[in-house]
C-alpha atoms as a PDB file:
ATOM      1  CA  UNK A   1       0.000   0.000   0.000  1.00  0.00           C
ATOM      2  CA  UNK A   2       1.184   3.549  -0.639  1.00  0.00           C
ATOM      3  CA  UNK A   3       1.981   6.128   1.999  1.00  0.00           C
ATOM      4  CA  UNK A   4       0.064   9.392   2.291  1.00  0.00           C
ATOM      5  CA  UNK A   5       2.042  11.779   0.125  1.00  0.00           C
ATOM      6  CA  UNK A   6      -0.327  14.208  -1.606  1.00  0.00           C
ATOM      7  CA  UNK A   7      -3.432  16.278  -1.087  1.00  0.00           C
ATOM      8  CA  UNK A   8      -5.252  13.779  -3.320  1.00  0.00           C
ATOM      9  CA  UNK A   9      -4.297  11.019  -0.865  1.00  0.00           C
ATOM     10  CA  UNK A  10      -5.751  13.085   1.964  1.00  0.00           C
ATOM     11  CA  UNK A  11      -8.980  13.559   0.032  1.00  0.00           C
ATOM     12  CA  UNK A  12      -9.279   9.793  -0.519  1.00  0.00           C
ATOM     13  CA  UNK A  13      -8.670   9.205   3.184  1.00  0.00           C
ATOM     14  CA  UNK A  14     -11.119  11.878   4.303  1.00  0.00           C
ATOM     15  CA  UNK A  15     -13.899  10.674   1.985  1.00  0.00           C
ATOM     16  CA  UNK A  16     -13.415   7.130   3.272  1.00  0.00           C
ATOM     17  CA  UNK A  17     -13.372   8.270   6.894  1.00  0.00           C
ATOM     18  CA  UNK A  18     -16.453  10.503   6.528  1.00  0.00           C
ATOM     19  CA  UNK A  19     -18.382   7.716   4.833  1.00  0.00           C
ATOM     20  CA  UNK A  20     -17.746   5.567   7.870  1.00  0.00           C
ATOM     21  CA  UNK A  21     -18.440   8.378  10.384  1.00  0.00           C
ATOM     22  CA  UNK A  22     -21.792   9.189   8.736  1.00  0.00           C
ATOM     23  CA  UNK A  23     -22.898   5.594   9.318  1.00  0.00           C
ATOM     24  CA  UNK A  24     -21.429   5.178  12.797  1.00  0.00           C
ATOM     25  CA  UNK A  25     -23.984   5.059  15.637  1.00  0.00           C
ATOM     26  CA  UNK A  26     -21.723   7.039  17.987  1.00  0.00           C
ATOM     27  CA  UNK A  27     -20.476   9.692  15.563  1.00  0.00           C
ATOM     28  CA  UNK A  28     -23.417  10.056  13.187  1.00  0.00           C
ATOM     29  CA  UNK A  29     -25.324  12.616  15.321  1.00  0.00           C
ATOM     30  CA  UNK A  30     -22.322  14.982  15.335  1.00  0.00           C
ATOM     31  CA  UNK A  31     -21.577  14.356  11.650  1.00  0.00           C
ATOM     32  CA  UNK A  32     -25.250  14.367  10.625  1.00  0.00           C
ATOM     33  CA  UNK A  33     -25.365  17.976   9.463  1.00  0.00           C
ATOM     34  CA  UNK A  34     -22.270  17.488   7.345  1.00  0.00           C
ATOM     35  CA  UNK A  35     -23.791  14.335   5.857  1.00  0.00           C
ATOM     36  CA  UNK A  36     -26.926  16.260   4.862  1.00  0.00           C
ATOM     37  CA  UNK A  37     -25.194  19.283   3.326  1.00  0.00           C
ATOM     38  CA  UNK A  38     -22.501  17.128   1.767  1.00  0.00           C
ATOM     39  CA  UNK A  39     -18.835  16.756   2.357  1.00  0.00           C
ATOM     40  CA  UNK A  40     -17.664  18.543  -0.811  1.00  0.00           C
ATOM     41  CA  UNK A  41     -17.622  22.028   0.763  1.00  0.00           C
ATOM     42  CA  UNK A  42     -15.926  20.744   3.914  1.00  0.00           C
ATOM     43  CA  UNK A  43     -13.251  18.631   2.236  1.00  0.00           C
ATOM     44  CA  UNK A  44     -10.976  21.489   1.138  1.00  0.00           C
ATOM     45  CA  UNK A  45     -10.856  22.797   4.710  1.00  0.00           C
ATOM     46  CA  UNK A  46     -10.029  19.371   6.105  1.00  0.00           C
ATOM     47  CA  UNK A  47      -7.416  18.787   3.402  1.00  0.00           C
ATOM     48  CA  UNK A  48      -5.855  22.140   4.373  1.00  0.00           C
ATOM     49  CA  UNK A  49      -5.868  21.053   8.019  1.00  0.00           C
ATOM     50  CA  UNK A  50      -4.229  17.680   7.413  1.00  0.00           C
ATOM     51  CA  UNK A  51      -1.753  19.120   4.894  1.00  0.00           C
ATOM     52  CA  UNK A  52      -0.709  21.599   7.565  1.00  0.00           C
ATOM     53  CA  UNK A  53      -0.416  18.898  10.226  1.00  0.00           C
ATOM     54  CA  UNK A  54       1.400  16.333   8.096  1.00  0.00           C
ATOM     55  CA  UNK A  55       3.288  18.385   5.516  1.00  0.00           C
ATOM     56  CA  UNK A  56       3.653  21.749   7.329  1.00  0.00           C
ATOM     57  CA  UNK A  57       2.085  23.667   4.428  1.00  0.00           C
ATOM     58  CA  UNK A  58       0.465  26.324   6.617  1.00  0.00           C
ATOM     59  CA  UNK A  59      -2.665  26.279   4.442  1.00  0.00           C
ATOM     60  CA  UNK A  60      -5.135  25.778   7.308  1.00  0.00           C
ATOM     61  CA  UNK A  61      -6.438  29.087   8.641  1.00  0.00           C
ATOM     62  CA  UNK A  62      -9.410  27.991  10.762  1.00  0.00           C
ATOM     63  CA  UNK A  63      -9.930  27.256  14.424  1.00  0.00           C
ATOM     64  CA  UNK A  64     -10.321  23.597  15.272  1.00  0.00           C
ATOM     65  CA  UNK A  65     -11.123  24.470  18.878  1.00  0.00           C
ATOM     66  CA  UNK A  66     -13.928  26.906  17.980  1.00  0.00           C
ATOM     67  CA  UNK A  67     -15.588  24.453  15.585  1.00  0.00           C
ATOM     68  CA  UNK A  68     -15.489  21.646  18.115  1.00  0.00           C
ATOM     69  CA  UNK A  69     -16.697  23.867  20.974  1.00  0.00           C
ATOM     70  CA  UNK A  70     -19.773  24.691  18.891  1.00  0.00           C
ATOM     71  CA  UNK A  71     -20.354  21.026  18.040  1.00  0.00           C
ATOM     72  CA  UNK A  72     -19.864  20.055  21.677  1.00  0.00           C
ATOM     73  CA  UNK A  73     -22.471  22.636  22.665  1.00  0.00           C
ATOM     74  CA  UNK A  74     -25.060  21.081  20.398  1.00  0.00           C
ATOM     75  CA  UNK A  75     -24.101  17.391  20.680  1.00  0.00           C
ATOM     76  CA  UNK A  76     -22.506  16.983  24.113  1.00  0.00           C
ATOM     77  CA  UNK A  77     -19.329  15.103  23.243  1.00  0.00           C
ATOM     78  CA  UNK A  78     -18.144  12.376  25.566  1.00  0.00           C
ATOM     79  CA  UNK A  79     -14.922  10.411  25.803  1.00  0.00           C
ATOM     80  CA  UNK A  80     -16.632   7.757  23.668  1.00  0.00           C
ATOM     81  CA  UNK A  81     -16.940  10.241  20.779  1.00  0.00           C
ATOM     82  CA  UNK A  82     -13.237  11.015  20.796  1.00  0.00           C
ATOM     83  CA  UNK A  83     -12.244   7.376  21.186  1.00  0.00           C
ATOM     84  CA  UNK A  84     -14.479   6.320  18.315  1.00  0.00           C
ATOM     85  CA  UNK A  85     -13.219   9.138  16.086  1.00  0.00           C
ATOM     86  CA  UNK A  86      -9.628   7.987  16.644  1.00  0.00           C
ATOM     87  CA  UNK A  87     -10.608   4.357  16.083  1.00  0.00           C
ATOM     88  CA  UNK A  88     -12.341   5.089  12.759  1.00  0.00           C
ATOM     89  CA  UNK A  89      -9.559   7.423  11.634  1.00  0.00           C
ATOM     90  CA  UNK A  90      -6.822   4.893  12.432  1.00  0.00           C
ATOM     91  CA  UNK A  91      -8.649   2.004  10.787  1.00  0.00           C
ATOM     92  CA  UNK A  92      -9.385   4.143   7.705  1.00  0.00           C
ATOM     93  CA  UNK A  93      -5.676   4.906   7.377  1.00  0.00           C
ATOM     94  CA  UNK A  94      -4.777   1.262   7.930  1.00  0.00           C
ATOM     95  CA  UNK A  95      -7.167   0.168   5.167  1.00  0.00           C
ATOM     96  CA  UNK A  96      -5.755   2.606   2.599  1.00  0.00           C
ATOM     97  CA  UNK A  97      -2.172   3.566   3.421  1.00  0.00           C
ATOM     98  CA  UNK A  98       1.048   2.336   4.942  1.00  0.00           C
ATOM     99  CA  UNK A  99       4.212   4.253   5.703  1.00  0.00           C
ATOM    100  CA  UNK A 100       5.780   6.894   7.880  1.00  0.00           C
ATOM    101  CA  UNK A 101       3.287   9.642   7.060  1.00  0.00           C
ATOM    102  CA  UNK A 102       0.339   7.287   7.568  1.00  0.00           C
ATOM    103  CA  UNK A 103       1.708   6.328  10.974  1.00  0.00           C
ATOM    104  CA  UNK A 104       2.241   9.995  11.843  1.00  0.00           C
ATOM    105  CA  UNK A 105      -1.347  10.788  10.768  1.00  0.00           C
ATOM    106  CA  UNK A 106      -2.584   8.171  13.228  1.00  0.00           C
ATOM    107  CA  UNK A 107      -0.395   9.516  16.053  1.00  0.00           C
ATOM    108  CA  UNK A 108      -1.325  13.135  15.336  1.00  0.00           C
ATOM    109  CA  UNK A 109      -5.037  12.308  15.337  1.00  0.00           C
ATOM    110  CA  UNK A 110      -4.745  10.588  18.714  1.00  0.00           C
ATOM    111  CA  UNK A 111      -2.865  13.577  20.101  1.00  0.00           C
ATOM    112  CA  UNK A 112      -5.389  16.053  18.703  1.00  0.00           C
ATOM    113  CA  UNK A 113      -8.295  14.005  20.100  1.00  0.00           C
ATOM    114  CA  UNK A 114      -6.680  13.906  23.575  1.00  0.00           C
ATOM    115  CA  UNK A 115      -6.121  17.651  23.498  1.00  0.00           C
ATOM    116  CA  UNK A 116      -9.627  18.409  22.264  1.00  0.00           C
ATOM    117  CA  UNK A 117     -11.147  16.066  24.849  1.00  0.00           C
ATOM    118  CA  UNK A 118      -9.241  17.894  27.618  1.00  0.00           C
ATOM    119  CA  UNK A 119     -10.305  21.285  26.311  1.00  0.00           C
ATOM    120  CA  UNK A 120     -13.956  20.411  25.962  1.00  0.00           C
ATOM    121  CA  UNK A 121     -14.600  17.907  28.727  1.00  0.00           C
ATOM    122  CA  UNK A 122     -12.258  19.283  31.401  1.00  0.00           C
ATOM    123  CA  UNK A 123     -12.008  23.008  30.661  1.00  0.00           C
ATOM    124  CA  UNK A 124     -10.847  23.788  34.211  1.00  0.00           C
ATOM    125  CA  UNK A 125      -7.977  21.286  34.095  1.00  0.00           C
ATOM    126  CA  UNK A 126      -4.466  21.928  32.842  1.00  0.00           C
ATOM    127  CA  UNK A 127      -4.499  22.894  29.196  1.00  0.00           C
ATOM    128  CA  UNK A 128      -1.242  21.436  28.006  1.00  0.00           C
ATOM    129  CA  UNK A 129      -2.186  20.010  24.643  1.00  0.00           C
ATOM    130  CA  UNK A 130      -0.705  18.307  21.664  1.00  0.00           C
ATOM    131  CA  UNK A 131      -2.598  20.668  19.347  1.00  0.00           C
ATOM    132  CA  UNK A 132      -0.248  23.325  18.008  1.00  0.00           C
ATOM    133  CA  UNK A 133      -1.437  26.820  18.921  1.00  0.00           C
ATOM    134  CA  UNK A 134      -2.061  27.640  15.253  1.00  0.00           C
ATOM    135  CA  UNK A 135      -5.057  25.254  15.427  1.00  0.00           C
ATOM    136  CA  UNK A 136      -6.561  26.795  18.565  1.00  0.00           C
END
């Protein structure tokens, strides 16, 4: 299997992941709106995010924390949501890619999920996170 090496690879991965998340009983409520409006408008933003994380392109200009705070407010995330997101992300990568970048994408996702979980579920706790400040 190839490694993740291009934006096109990220798009393949993200489409595969979202297809699974839309059908997942734990994640579907949070992803439901995106499933209805379609992933095509959201994909460029997510490709920018993952290109920035994995390839240091600096193309992502949004706020991961703000988006997830809003989703948490309407869906009430739990540890199970973050764990399932990481599980589906990692298995999606494993099904499609193999290599150093693929492994780093799995590690980065786990780190981001831990940081986001701390920020959203324990906002009074220490806020040392694995999410680079540019994504806050």
